[in-house]
Amino acid sequence: MRIHITGAAVLCFAAVLLSGCTTERRSAPARTATEQLLISTAADRAAHALALSLPQDKKLFIDATHFDGPDSKYAISAIRGEFLRRGGHLATDQKTADVIVEISLGALSIDENSSIIGIPEFNIPVPMTGDLTVPEVALFKKEVRQGVAKFSAFSYDAKSGALVSYAPPDLGTSHKTQWVVALFISWNTSDINPDADKADDDSDFPVGPLPTKGTDLPNWL
């Protein structure tokens, strides 16, 4: 018995082999986009509150010598941007400034906490094989990730060194919360949506946590 192999069959076989060799590369950054958004959103809100207390009728030089930490560069830029947005003027150096503003960083990070009604995940030691992980069974679960930023500042006259103003610490926060009900129903609430921070004037610009404008639909598994 002879087996005839057509050209089309050869092409199909080659296509299967080639498709089997396709791979997808996925990056694994040190921090997630959600973590970065939580921190930057909290920084935006703390910067907005801090800029309200800076002298608006003087040319300022913002001294960020003691404003150090992860994400500090973004926070410094946010403070400068908020001051300029209100019509203020920045000096390029201390010699040309009327007032020097020293800003400091109290906090710029995230907190996490969760509560569960049900059985949390746990491990059972199994002889000779290691631990067996038993998944959680959540009748109700609330997992909160909150961004926190705390900035403070004081200003002094560039020539005399006399105190001009003191801004008490201002706090900015953000959050993303995951909810789980009856094991399989889950959804998220958050205030890190950039559209939530749009404002036409100072009166309605959000400071601190915002009311959530919408809730994602539950993920039915």
N, C-alpha and C. Protein backbone atom coordinates (compact mmCIF):
# COMPACT_ATOMS: atom_id res chain seq x y z
N MET A 1 0.85 -1.18 0.00
CA MET A 1 0.00 0.00 0.00
C MET A 1 0.89 1.24 0.00
N ARG A 2 0.61 2.13 -0.91
CA ARG A 2 1.35 3.37 -1.02
C ARG A 2 0.59 4.52 -0.39
N ILE A 3 1.32 5.37 0.30
CA ILE A 3 0.71 6.55 0.92
C ILE A 3 1.16 7.78 0.15
N HIS A 4 0.22 8.51 -0.38
CA HIS A 4 0.52 9.70 -1.15
C HIS A 4 0.42 10.93 -0.24
N ILE A 5 1.49 11.67 -0.19
CA ILE A 5 1.52 12.90 0.62
C ILE A 5 1.48 14.10 -0.31
N THR A 6 0.44 14.84 -0.22
CA THR A 6 0.27 15.99 -1.10
C THR A 6 1.04 17.19 -0.56
N GLY A 7 1.20 18.20 -1.43
CA GLY A 7 1.89 19.42 -1.02
C GLY A 7 1.14 20.16 0.06
N ALA A 8 -0.19 20.13 0.01
CA ALA A 8 -1.00 20.81 1.02
C ALA A 8 -0.81 20.18 2.38
N ALA A 9 -0.68 18.85 2.40
CA ALA A 9 -0.47 18.18 3.69
C ALA A 9 0.86 18.56 4.29
N VAL A 10 1.89 18.69 3.45
CA VAL A 10 3.21 19.09 3.94
C VAL A 10 3.16 20.49 4.53
N LEU A 11 2.47 21.40 3.85
CA LEU A 11 2.36 22.77 4.34
C LEU A 11 1.62 22.82 5.68
N CYS A 12 0.54 22.04 5.80
CA CYS A 12 -0.21 22.01 7.06
C CYS A 12 0.65 21.49 8.20
N PHE A 13 1.43 20.44 7.91
CA PHE A 13 2.30 19.87 8.95
C PHE A 13 3.36 20.87 9.38
N ALA A 14 3.93 21.59 8.41
CA ALA A 14 4.94 22.60 8.73
C ALA A 14 4.34 23.73 9.54
N ALA A 15 3.10 24.12 9.22
CA ALA A 15 2.45 25.19 9.96
C ALA A 15 2.23 24.80 11.41
N VAL A 16 1.86 23.54 11.65
CA VAL A 16 1.66 23.05 13.01
C VAL A 16 2.97 23.10 13.80
N LEU A 17 4.07 22.69 13.14
CA LEU A 17 5.35 22.72 13.82
C LEU A 17 5.78 24.14 14.16
N LEU A 18 5.57 25.06 13.22
CA LEU A 18 5.97 26.44 13.46
C LEU A 18 5.14 27.09 14.55
N SER A 19 3.82 26.83 14.56
CA SER A 19 2.97 27.41 15.59
C SER A 19 3.30 26.88 16.96
N GLY A 20 3.77 25.64 17.01
CA GLY A 20 4.14 25.06 18.28
C GLY A 20 5.38 25.67 18.88
N CYS A 21 6.17 26.38 18.06
CA CYS A 21 7.40 26.99 18.54
C CYS A 21 7.23 28.43 18.99
N THR A 22 6.03 28.97 18.85
CA THR A 22 5.78 30.36 19.22
C THR A 22 5.76 30.52 20.73
N THR A 23 6.49 31.52 21.22
CA THR A 23 6.51 31.81 22.66
C THR A 23 6.18 33.28 22.89
N GLU A 24 5.68 33.59 24.07
CA GLU A 24 5.34 34.96 24.45
C GLU A 24 6.16 35.36 25.66
N ARG A 25 6.85 36.50 25.55
CA ARG A 25 7.66 36.99 26.65
C ARG A 25 6.84 37.95 27.51
N ARG A 26 6.82 37.73 28.81
CA ARG A 26 6.09 38.58 29.74
C ARG A 26 7.06 39.21 30.72
N SER A 27 6.93 40.51 30.90
CA SER A 27 7.80 41.20 31.83
C SER A 27 7.27 41.05 33.25
N ALA A 28 8.18 41.14 34.20
CA ALA A 28 7.81 41.02 35.62
C ALA A 28 8.45 42.18 36.38
N PRO A 29 7.84 43.38 36.34
CA PRO A 29 8.43 44.53 37.03
C PRO A 29 8.41 44.35 38.53
N ALA A 30 9.29 45.11 39.19
CA ALA A 30 9.39 45.00 40.65
C ALA A 30 8.11 45.46 41.34
N ARG A 31 7.42 46.47 40.75
CA ARG A 31 6.19 46.98 41.36
C ARG A 31 5.08 46.99 40.32
N THR A 32 3.87 46.75 40.77
CA THR A 32 2.74 46.73 39.86
C THR A 32 2.28 48.15 39.55
N ALA A 33 1.53 48.29 38.45
CA ALA A 33 0.97 49.59 38.09
C ALA A 33 0.00 50.07 39.15
N THR A 34 -0.74 49.15 39.76
CA THR A 34 -1.68 49.55 40.80
C THR A 34 -0.97 50.18 41.98
N GLU A 35 0.15 49.61 42.40
CA GLU A 35 0.92 50.19 43.51
C GLU A 35 1.43 51.58 43.14
N GLN A 36 1.92 51.74 41.92
CA GLN A 36 2.41 53.04 41.50
C GLN A 36 1.29 54.07 41.44
N LEU A 37 0.11 53.66 40.97
CA LEU A 37 -1.03 54.58 40.91
C LEU A 37 -1.50 54.98 42.30
N LEU A 38 -1.51 54.03 43.23
CA LEU A 38 -1.90 54.36 44.60
C LEU A 38 -0.97 55.41 45.20
N ILE A 39 0.33 55.23 45.01
CA ILE A 39 1.30 56.17 45.58
C ILE A 39 1.23 57.52 44.89
N SER A 40 1.19 57.54 43.56
CA SER A 40 1.20 58.81 42.85
C SER A 40 -0.10 59.59 43.06
N THR A 41 -1.23 58.90 43.18
CA THR A 41 -2.50 59.58 43.44
C THR A 41 -2.50 60.22 44.82
N ALA A 42 -2.00 59.49 45.83
CA ALA A 42 -1.88 60.07 47.17
C ALA A 42 -0.94 61.26 47.15
N ALA A 43 0.15 61.17 46.39
CA ALA A 43 1.10 62.29 46.29
C ALA A 43 0.45 63.50 45.64
N ASP A 44 -0.35 63.30 44.61
CA ASP A 44 -1.05 64.40 43.95
C ASP A 44 -1.94 65.15 44.93
N ARG A 45 -2.64 64.42 45.76
CA ARG A 45 -3.59 65.05 46.69
C ARG A 45 -2.86 65.76 47.83
N ALA A 46 -1.78 65.18 48.33
CA ALA A 46 -1.00 65.85 49.36
C ALA A 46 -0.32 67.10 48.80
N ALA A 47 0.15 67.02 47.56
CA ALA A 47 0.79 68.17 46.91
C ALA A 47 -0.21 69.31 46.71
N HIS A 48 -1.42 68.96 46.34
CA HIS A 48 -2.45 69.98 46.17
C HIS A 48 -2.73 70.71 47.48
N ALA A 49 -2.87 69.95 48.56
CA ALA A 49 -3.15 70.56 49.87
C ALA A 49 -1.98 71.42 50.34
N LEU A 50 -0.75 70.94 50.11
CA LEU A 50 0.42 71.69 50.55
C LEU A 50 0.57 73.00 49.78
N ALA A 51 0.32 72.96 48.48
CA ALA A 51 0.49 74.15 47.64
C ALA A 51 -0.46 75.28 48.04
N LEU A 52 -1.58 74.94 48.65
CA LEU A 52 -2.53 75.96 49.09
C LEU A 52 -1.92 76.90 50.13
N SER A 53 -0.96 76.39 50.92
CA SER A 53 -0.40 77.18 52.02
C SER A 53 0.88 77.91 51.64
N LEU A 54 1.35 77.76 50.40
CA LEU A 54 2.58 78.44 49.98
C LEU A 54 2.28 79.88 49.59
N PRO A 55 3.20 80.82 49.87
CA PRO A 55 2.98 82.22 49.49
C PRO A 55 2.82 82.37 47.98
N GLN A 56 1.74 83.01 47.57
CA GLN A 56 1.45 83.12 46.15
C GLN A 56 1.99 84.41 45.52
N ASP A 57 2.32 85.40 46.33
CA ASP A 57 2.73 86.71 45.80
C ASP A 57 4.24 86.89 45.79
N LYS A 58 4.98 85.81 46.00
CA LYS A 58 6.44 85.90 46.02
C LYS A 58 7.02 84.89 45.04
N LYS A 59 8.25 85.18 44.61
CA LYS A 59 8.96 84.22 43.76
C LYS A 59 9.65 83.20 44.68
N LEU A 60 9.29 81.94 44.52
CA LEU A 60 9.75 80.90 45.44
C LEU A 60 10.83 80.02 44.83
N PHE A 61 11.73 79.61 45.69
CA PHE A 61 12.64 78.52 45.35
C PHE A 61 12.30 77.36 46.27
N ILE A 62 11.94 76.23 45.70
CA ILE A 62 11.55 75.07 46.50
C ILE A 62 12.78 74.21 46.75
N ASP A 63 13.18 74.13 48.01
CA ASP A 63 14.35 73.37 48.44
C ASP A 63 13.90 71.96 48.81
N ALA A 64 14.31 70.98 48.00
CA ALA A 64 13.91 69.59 48.23
C ALA A 64 15.05 68.75 48.79
N THR A 65 16.02 69.40 49.46
CA THR A 65 17.19 68.69 50.00
C THR A 65 16.78 67.58 50.96
N HIS A 66 15.78 67.84 51.79
CA HIS A 66 15.35 66.87 52.80
C HIS A 66 14.09 66.11 52.38
N PHE A 67 13.77 66.18 51.12
CA PHE A 67 12.61 65.47 50.59
C PHE A 67 13.15 64.28 49.80
N ASP A 68 13.37 63.18 50.51
CA ASP A 68 14.06 62.05 49.91
C ASP A 68 13.31 60.76 50.20
N GLY A 69 13.32 59.86 49.23
CA GLY A 69 12.67 58.57 49.39
C GLY A 69 12.18 58.06 48.05
N PRO A 70 11.70 56.81 48.01
CA PRO A 70 11.15 56.29 46.77
C PRO A 70 10.00 57.17 46.27
N ASP A 71 9.96 57.41 44.99
CA ASP A 71 8.92 58.22 44.34
C ASP A 71 8.98 59.70 44.73
N SER A 72 10.08 60.13 45.35
CA SER A 72 10.16 61.53 45.79
C SER A 72 10.23 62.49 44.61
N LYS A 73 10.86 62.08 43.52
CA LYS A 73 10.97 62.97 42.36
C LYS A 73 9.60 63.32 41.80
N TYR A 74 8.73 62.32 41.72
CA TYR A 74 7.38 62.59 41.23
C TYR A 74 6.66 63.55 42.18
N ALA A 75 6.80 63.31 43.49
CA ALA A 75 6.11 64.15 44.47
C ALA A 75 6.59 65.59 44.41
N ILE A 76 7.92 65.80 44.27
CA ILE A 76 8.47 67.16 44.17
C ILE A 76 7.90 67.88 42.95
N SER A 77 7.86 67.17 41.83
CA SER A 77 7.30 67.76 40.61
C SER A 77 5.83 68.10 40.79
N ALA A 78 5.09 67.24 41.51
CA ALA A 78 3.67 67.51 41.75
C ALA A 78 3.47 68.77 42.58
N ILE A 79 4.32 68.98 43.59
CA ILE A 79 4.22 70.18 44.43
C ILE A 79 4.51 71.43 43.60
N ARG A 80 5.56 71.39 42.81
CA ARG A 80 5.90 72.53 41.95
C ARG A 80 4.78 72.81 40.95
N GLY A 81 4.25 71.75 40.36
CA GLY A 81 3.18 71.93 39.39
C GLY A 81 1.94 72.54 40.00
N GLU A 82 1.58 72.11 41.22
CA GLU A 82 0.39 72.67 41.88
C GLU A 82 0.58 74.15 42.20
N PHE A 83 1.80 74.50 42.63
CA PHE A 83 2.07 75.92 42.93
C PHE A 83 1.96 76.78 41.67
N LEU A 84 2.52 76.31 40.57
CA LEU A 84 2.44 77.06 39.32
C LEU A 84 1.01 77.12 38.79
N ARG A 85 0.26 76.06 39.02
CA ARG A 85 -1.13 76.04 38.52
C ARG A 85 -1.97 77.14 39.16
N ARG A 86 -1.58 77.60 40.34
CA ARG A 86 -2.30 78.67 41.03
C ARG A 86 -1.77 80.06 40.69
N GLY A 87 -0.89 80.12 39.70
CA GLY A 87 -0.37 81.42 39.29
C GLY A 87 0.89 81.84 39.99
N GLY A 88 1.50 80.95 40.77
CA GLY A 88 2.73 81.29 41.47
C GLY A 88 3.92 81.34 40.52
N HIS A 89 5.04 81.83 41.02
CA HIS A 89 6.26 81.96 40.22
C HIS A 89 7.41 81.27 40.95
N LEU A 90 8.15 80.45 40.21
CA LEU A 90 9.28 79.73 40.77
C LEU A 90 10.59 80.38 40.32
N ALA A 91 11.54 80.46 41.25
CA ALA A 91 12.88 80.94 40.94
C ALA A 91 13.75 79.76 40.53
N THR A 92 14.69 80.02 39.64
CA THR A 92 15.57 78.94 39.18
C THR A 92 16.67 78.61 40.19
N ASP A 93 16.98 79.53 41.09
CA ASP A 93 17.97 79.27 42.14
C ASP A 93 17.66 80.15 43.35
N GLN A 94 18.37 79.90 44.44
CA GLN A 94 18.10 80.62 45.69
C GLN A 94 18.47 82.10 45.59
N LYS A 95 19.44 82.44 44.73
CA LYS A 95 19.89 83.83 44.63
C LYS A 95 18.81 84.74 44.04
N THR A 96 17.99 84.21 43.16
CA THR A 96 16.96 85.02 42.51
C THR A 96 15.59 84.90 43.19
N ALA A 97 15.51 84.16 44.29
CA ALA A 97 14.23 83.92 44.96
C ALA A 97 13.97 84.98 46.02
N ASP A 98 12.70 85.29 46.21
CA ASP A 98 12.28 86.14 47.33
C ASP A 98 12.13 85.31 48.59
N VAL A 99 11.60 84.11 48.42
CA VAL A 99 11.31 83.22 49.55
C VAL A 99 11.81 81.82 49.21
N ILE A 100 12.39 81.16 50.19
CA ILE A 100 12.82 79.78 50.03
C ILE A 100 11.86 78.88 50.81
N VAL A 101 11.36 77.85 50.14
CA VAL A 101 10.44 76.89 50.76
C VAL A 101 11.15 75.56 50.92
N GLU A 102 11.26 75.12 52.15
CA GLU A 102 11.87 73.81 52.41
C GLU A 102 10.75 72.80 52.63
N ILE A 103 10.72 71.79 51.78
CA ILE A 103 9.68 70.77 51.87
C ILE A 103 10.29 69.49 52.45
N SER A 104 9.48 68.73 53.16
CA SER A 104 9.93 67.47 53.75
C SER A 104 8.90 66.38 53.55
N LEU A 105 9.39 65.17 53.55
CA LEU A 105 8.56 64.00 53.28
C LEU A 105 8.37 63.18 54.54
N GLY A 106 7.10 63.04 54.96
CA GLY A 106 6.80 62.24 56.15
C GLY A 106 6.42 60.82 55.82
N ALA A 107 5.73 60.62 54.70
CA ALA A 107 5.33 59.27 54.29
C ALA A 107 4.98 59.30 52.81
N LEU A 108 5.32 58.23 52.12
CA LEU A 108 4.93 58.06 50.73
C LEU A 108 5.04 56.57 50.41
N SER A 109 3.97 55.84 50.74
CA SER A 109 4.01 54.39 50.60
C SER A 109 2.57 53.86 50.58
N ILE A 110 2.42 52.54 50.74
CA ILE A 110 1.10 51.94 50.77
C ILE A 110 0.95 51.06 52.00
N ASP A 111 -0.29 50.96 52.49
CA ASP A 111 -0.66 50.04 53.56
C ASP A 111 -1.63 49.01 52.99
N GLU A 112 -1.61 47.83 53.57
CA GLU A 112 -2.52 46.77 53.16
C GLU A 112 -3.14 46.12 54.39
N ASN A 113 -4.42 45.85 54.31
CA ASN A 113 -5.08 45.10 55.38
C ASN A 113 -6.28 44.35 54.79
N SER A 114 -6.63 43.27 55.42
CA SER A 114 -7.74 42.46 54.92
C SER A 114 -8.49 41.84 56.08
N SER A 115 -9.76 41.58 55.85
CA SER A 115 -10.59 40.88 56.83
C SER A 115 -11.40 39.82 56.09
N ILE A 116 -11.62 38.69 56.74
CA ILE A 116 -12.30 37.57 56.08
C ILE A 116 -13.23 36.87 57.05
N ILE A 117 -14.38 36.49 56.54
CA ILE A 117 -15.29 35.60 57.26
C ILE A 117 -15.28 34.29 56.49
N GLY A 118 -14.71 33.27 57.07
CA GLY A 118 -14.55 32.00 56.40
C GLY A 118 -13.29 31.33 56.88
N ILE A 119 -12.62 30.61 55.99
CA ILE A 119 -11.40 29.87 56.35
C ILE A 119 -10.26 30.45 55.54
N PRO A 120 -9.25 31.03 56.20
CA PRO A 120 -8.10 31.57 55.45
C PRO A 120 -7.23 30.45 54.89
N GLU A 121 -6.39 30.79 53.96
CA GLU A 121 -5.46 29.82 53.38
C GLU A 121 -4.48 29.34 54.46
N PHE A 122 -4.19 28.04 54.47
CA PHE A 122 -3.24 27.50 55.44
C PHE A 122 -2.54 26.29 54.83
N ASN A 123 -1.43 25.91 55.47
CA ASN A 123 -0.62 24.79 54.99
C ASN A 123 -0.73 23.61 55.95
N ILE A 124 -0.74 22.41 55.37
CA ILE A 124 -0.74 21.17 56.15
C ILE A 124 0.54 20.42 55.82
N PRO A 125 1.38 20.19 56.82
CA PRO A 125 2.61 19.44 56.54
C PRO A 125 2.31 18.00 56.15
N VAL A 126 2.93 17.56 55.06
CA VAL A 126 2.76 16.19 54.57
C VAL A 126 4.12 15.51 54.61
N PRO A 127 4.24 14.41 55.37
CA PRO A 127 5.54 13.73 55.49
C PRO A 127 6.10 13.33 54.12
N MET A 128 7.39 13.58 53.94
CA MET A 128 8.16 13.17 52.77
C MET A 128 7.88 14.01 51.52
N THR A 129 6.83 14.82 51.53
CA THR A 129 6.49 15.57 50.30
C THR A 129 6.48 17.08 50.51
N GLY A 130 6.46 17.55 51.75
CA GLY A 130 6.40 18.98 51.99
C GLY A 130 5.02 19.41 52.47
N ASP A 131 4.71 20.68 52.29
CA ASP A 131 3.45 21.22 52.76
C ASP A 131 2.38 21.16 51.67
N LEU A 132 1.16 20.91 52.09
CA LEU A 132 0.00 20.96 51.21
C LEU A 132 -0.78 22.24 51.52
N THR A 133 -0.95 23.11 50.51
CA THR A 133 -1.64 24.38 50.70
C THR A 133 -3.13 24.21 50.48
N VAL A 134 -3.89 24.56 51.50
CA VAL A 134 -5.35 24.51 51.41
C VAL A 134 -5.85 25.92 51.08
N PRO A 135 -6.54 26.13 49.95
CA PRO A 135 -6.97 27.48 49.58
C PRO A 135 -8.03 28.03 50.53
N GLU A 136 -8.10 29.36 50.58
CA GLU A 136 -9.08 29.99 51.46
C GLU A 136 -10.50 29.77 50.96
N VAL A 137 -11.42 29.78 51.89
CA VAL A 137 -12.84 29.70 51.58
C VAL A 137 -13.48 30.95 52.19
N ALA A 138 -13.79 31.92 51.36
CA ALA A 138 -14.24 33.22 51.85
C ALA A 138 -15.74 33.39 51.63
N LEU A 139 -16.49 33.39 52.73
CA LEU A 139 -17.91 33.76 52.64
C LEU A 139 -18.03 35.27 52.46
N PHE A 140 -17.10 36.00 53.08
CA PHE A 140 -16.99 37.46 52.86
C PHE A 140 -15.54 37.85 53.09
N LYS A 141 -15.02 38.68 52.18
CA LYS A 141 -13.64 39.14 52.31
C LYS A 141 -13.52 40.57 51.82
N LYS A 142 -12.77 41.38 52.57
CA LYS A 142 -12.48 42.76 52.19
C LYS A 142 -10.97 42.96 52.28
N GLU A 143 -10.36 43.27 51.14
CA GLU A 143 -8.91 43.47 51.08
C GLU A 143 -8.65 44.89 50.58
N VAL A 144 -8.00 45.70 51.42
CA VAL A 144 -7.80 47.12 51.13
C VAL A 144 -6.31 47.41 50.93
N ARG A 145 -6.01 48.13 49.85
CA ARG A 145 -4.67 48.67 49.62
C ARG A 145 -4.81 50.18 49.57
N GLN A 146 -4.09 50.87 50.43
CA GLN A 146 -4.22 52.33 50.56
C GLN A 146 -2.87 53.01 50.35
N GLY A 147 -2.85 54.00 49.46
CA GLY A 147 -1.68 54.85 49.30
C GLY A 147 -1.73 56.00 50.28
N VAL A 148 -0.60 56.33 50.89
CA VAL A 148 -0.54 57.38 51.90
C VAL A 148 0.64 58.30 51.58
N ALA A 149 0.37 59.61 51.57
CA ALA A 149 1.43 60.61 51.37
C ALA A 149 1.28 61.68 52.43
N LYS A 150 2.39 62.06 53.05
CA LYS A 150 2.39 63.11 54.06
C LYS A 150 3.53 64.07 53.76
N PHE A 151 3.19 65.33 53.44
CA PHE A 151 4.18 66.36 53.12
C PHE A 151 4.03 67.53 54.08
N SER A 152 5.14 68.20 54.36
CA SER A 152 5.09 69.44 55.15
C SER A 152 6.09 70.43 54.55
N ALA A 153 5.96 71.70 54.93
CA ALA A 153 6.84 72.73 54.38
C ALA A 153 6.86 73.95 55.28
N PHE A 154 7.95 74.70 55.22
CA PHE A 154 8.00 76.03 55.83
C PHE A 154 8.80 76.92 54.88
N SER A 155 8.51 78.20 54.90
CA SER A 155 9.19 79.14 54.01
C SER A 155 9.84 80.25 54.83
N TYR A 156 10.94 80.77 54.32
CA TYR A 156 11.64 81.86 55.00
C TYR A 156 12.19 82.84 53.96
N ASP A 157 12.39 84.06 54.40
CA ASP A 157 12.89 85.12 53.53
C ASP A 157 14.31 84.79 53.07
N ALA A 158 14.54 84.92 51.75
CA ALA A 158 15.83 84.53 51.18
C ALA A 158 16.97 85.42 51.68
N LYS A 159 16.68 86.65 52.08
CA LYS A 159 17.73 87.57 52.52
C LYS A 159 17.89 87.58 54.03
N SER A 160 16.80 87.74 54.75
CA SER A 160 16.89 87.86 56.20
C SER A 160 16.84 86.51 56.93
N GLY A 161 16.29 85.51 56.29
CA GLY A 161 16.15 84.20 56.93
C GLY A 161 14.97 84.12 57.88
N ALA A 162 14.15 85.17 57.95
CA ALA A 162 13.00 85.19 58.85
C ALA A 162 11.89 84.29 58.32
N LEU A 163 11.16 83.67 59.24
CA LEU A 163 10.07 82.79 58.85
C LEU A 163 8.98 83.58 58.14
N VAL A 164 8.53 83.06 57.00
CA VAL A 164 7.43 83.68 56.26
C VAL A 164 6.13 82.93 56.50
N SER A 165 6.18 81.62 56.42
CA SER A 165 4.97 80.81 56.66
C SER A 165 5.38 79.40 57.06
N TYR A 166 4.46 78.73 57.73
CA TYR A 166 4.67 77.34 58.11
C TYR A 166 3.43 76.55 57.71
N ALA A 167 3.66 75.49 56.95
CA ALA A 167 2.56 74.63 56.52
C ALA A 167 2.57 73.35 57.33
N PRO A 168 1.56 73.11 58.15
CA PRO A 168 1.52 71.86 58.91
C PRO A 168 1.41 70.67 57.95
N PRO A 169 1.77 69.49 58.41
CA PRO A 169 1.75 68.33 57.52
C PRO A 169 0.38 68.14 56.86
N ASP A 170 0.42 67.88 55.55
CA ASP A 170 -0.79 67.61 54.79
C ASP A 170 -0.78 66.16 54.34
N LEU A 171 -1.94 65.54 54.43
CA LEU A 171 -2.07 64.11 54.14
C LEU A 171 -2.89 63.90 52.88
N GLY A 172 -2.41 63.02 52.02
CA GLY A 172 -3.16 62.61 50.84
C GLY A 172 -3.28 61.10 50.83
N THR A 173 -4.43 60.58 50.48
CA THR A 173 -4.63 59.13 50.48
C THR A 173 -5.32 58.69 49.19
N SER A 174 -5.22 57.40 48.93
CA SER A 174 -5.91 56.76 47.81
C SER A 174 -6.19 55.32 48.22
N HIS A 175 -7.09 54.66 47.51
CA HIS A 175 -7.37 53.28 47.91
C HIS A 175 -7.86 52.45 46.74
N LYS A 176 -7.65 51.15 46.85
CA LYS A 176 -8.27 50.16 45.98
C LYS A 176 -8.70 49.01 46.87
N THR A 177 -9.98 48.65 46.80
CA THR A 177 -10.54 47.63 47.68
C THR A 177 -11.14 46.51 46.86
N GLN A 178 -10.81 45.28 47.23
CA GLN A 178 -11.39 44.10 46.59
C GLN A 178 -12.37 43.45 47.55
N TRP A 179 -13.55 43.12 47.03
CA TRP A 179 -14.59 42.50 47.82
C TRP A 179 -14.88 41.11 47.26
N VAL A 180 -15.09 40.15 48.16
CA VAL A 180 -15.48 38.80 47.77
C VAL A 180 -16.66 38.38 48.65
N VAL A 181 -17.71 37.88 47.99
CA VAL A 181 -18.91 37.43 48.70
C VAL A 181 -19.28 36.05 48.17
N ALA A 182 -19.58 35.15 49.08
CA ALA A 182 -20.06 33.81 48.72
C ALA A 182 -19.08 33.09 47.80
N LEU A 183 -17.81 33.20 48.07
CA LEU A 183 -16.73 32.48 47.41
C LEU A 183 -16.46 32.93 45.97
N PHE A 184 -17.49 33.08 45.14
CA PHE A 184 -17.30 33.25 43.71
C PHE A 184 -17.65 34.63 43.18
N ILE A 185 -18.21 35.52 44.00
CA ILE A 185 -18.61 36.84 43.53
C ILE A 185 -17.58 37.85 44.03
N SER A 186 -16.95 38.56 43.11
CA SER A 186 -15.92 39.53 43.51
C SER A 186 -16.02 40.78 42.65
N TRP A 187 -15.63 41.91 43.23
CA TRP A 187 -15.57 43.17 42.49
C TRP A 187 -14.60 44.11 43.21
N ASN A 188 -14.24 45.20 42.52
CA ASN A 188 -13.29 46.16 43.06
C ASN A 188 -13.91 47.55 43.15
N THR A 189 -13.51 48.31 44.15
CA THR A 189 -13.82 49.74 44.23
C THR A 189 -12.51 50.49 44.38
N SER A 190 -12.44 51.68 43.78
CA SER A 190 -11.17 52.40 43.77
C SER A 190 -11.41 53.88 43.53
N ASP A 191 -10.45 54.71 43.97
CA ASP A 191 -10.50 56.15 43.69
C ASP A 191 -9.22 56.62 43.00
N ILE A 192 -8.55 55.71 42.28
CA ILE A 192 -7.31 56.07 41.59
C ILE A 192 -7.53 56.31 40.10
N ASN A 193 -8.80 56.35 39.69
CA ASN A 193 -9.11 56.67 38.30
C ASN A 193 -8.72 58.12 38.03
N PRO A 194 -7.87 58.40 37.04
CA PRO A 194 -7.47 59.79 36.77
C PRO A 194 -8.64 60.73 36.51
N ASP A 195 -9.74 60.22 35.94
CA ASP A 195 -10.89 61.08 35.67
C ASP A 195 -11.52 61.61 36.94
N ALA A 196 -11.31 60.91 38.05
CA ALA A 196 -11.92 61.33 39.31
C ALA A 196 -11.27 62.58 39.88
N ASP A 197 -10.05 62.90 39.40
CA ASP A 197 -9.32 64.04 39.94
C ASP A 197 -9.41 65.28 39.07
N LYS A 198 -10.24 65.26 38.03
CA LYS A 198 -10.37 66.44 37.18
C LYS A 198 -11.24 67.47 37.90
N ALA A 199 -10.81 68.71 37.86
CA ALA A 199 -11.56 69.77 38.53
C ALA A 199 -11.39 71.07 37.77
N ASP A 200 -12.41 71.89 37.79
CA ASP A 200 -12.35 73.17 37.10
C ASP A 200 -11.79 74.27 37.98
N ASP A 201 -11.91 74.17 39.30
CA ASP A 201 -11.38 75.16 40.20
C ASP A 201 -10.98 74.50 41.50
N ASP A 202 -10.45 75.32 42.42
CA ASP A 202 -9.95 74.76 43.67
C ASP A 202 -11.05 74.22 44.56
N SER A 203 -12.24 74.75 44.43
CA SER A 203 -13.30 74.38 45.36
C SER A 203 -13.71 72.93 45.23
N ASP A 204 -13.61 72.38 44.00
CA ASP A 204 -14.06 71.00 43.86
C ASP A 204 -12.89 70.06 43.54
N PHE A 205 -11.66 70.52 43.76
CA PHE A 205 -10.52 69.62 43.58
C PHE A 205 -10.44 68.72 44.79
N PRO A 206 -10.35 67.39 44.59
CA PRO A 206 -10.40 66.47 45.72
C PRO A 206 -9.13 66.49 46.55
N VAL A 207 -9.28 66.47 47.84
CA VAL A 207 -8.17 66.31 48.77
C VAL A 207 -8.51 65.15 49.68
N GLY A 208 -7.61 64.17 49.76
CA GLY A 208 -7.90 63.00 50.56
C GLY A 208 -8.77 62.03 49.78
N PRO A 209 -9.37 61.05 50.43
CA PRO A 209 -10.14 60.04 49.74
C PRO A 209 -11.33 60.65 49.01
N LEU A 210 -11.60 60.11 47.83
CA LEU A 210 -12.73 60.57 47.04
C LEU A 210 -13.87 59.57 47.13
N PRO A 211 -15.11 60.04 47.04
CA PRO A 211 -16.21 59.10 46.90
C PRO A 211 -16.05 58.36 45.58
N THR A 212 -16.22 57.07 45.60
CA THR A 212 -16.07 56.29 44.39
C THR A 212 -17.19 56.62 43.43
N LYS A 213 -16.81 56.99 42.19
CA LYS A 213 -17.82 57.37 41.20
C LYS A 213 -18.53 56.16 40.61
N GLY A 214 -17.87 55.03 40.65
CA GLY A 214 -18.52 53.85 40.07
C GLY A 214 -17.90 52.60 40.63
N THR A 215 -18.61 51.54 40.52
CA THR A 215 -18.14 50.27 41.02
C THR A 215 -18.09 49.29 39.87
N ASP A 216 -16.95 48.60 39.74
CA ASP A 216 -16.85 47.62 38.67
C ASP A 216 -17.89 46.52 38.86
N LEU A 217 -18.37 45.99 37.76
CA LEU A 217 -19.34 44.92 37.83
C LEU A 217 -18.70 43.68 38.46
N PRO A 218 -19.46 42.88 39.20
CA PRO A 218 -18.88 41.67 39.80
C PRO A 218 -18.32 40.75 38.73
N ASN A 219 -17.23 40.06 39.06
CA ASN A 219 -16.65 39.06 38.16
C ASN A 219 -17.25 37.70 38.49
N TRP A 220 -18.19 37.29 37.69
CA TRP A 220 -18.83 36.00 37.93
C TRP A 220 -17.90 34.91 37.40
N LEU A 221 -17.46 34.05 38.29
CA LEU A 221 -16.51 33.01 37.90
C LEU A 221 -17.24 31.77 37.46
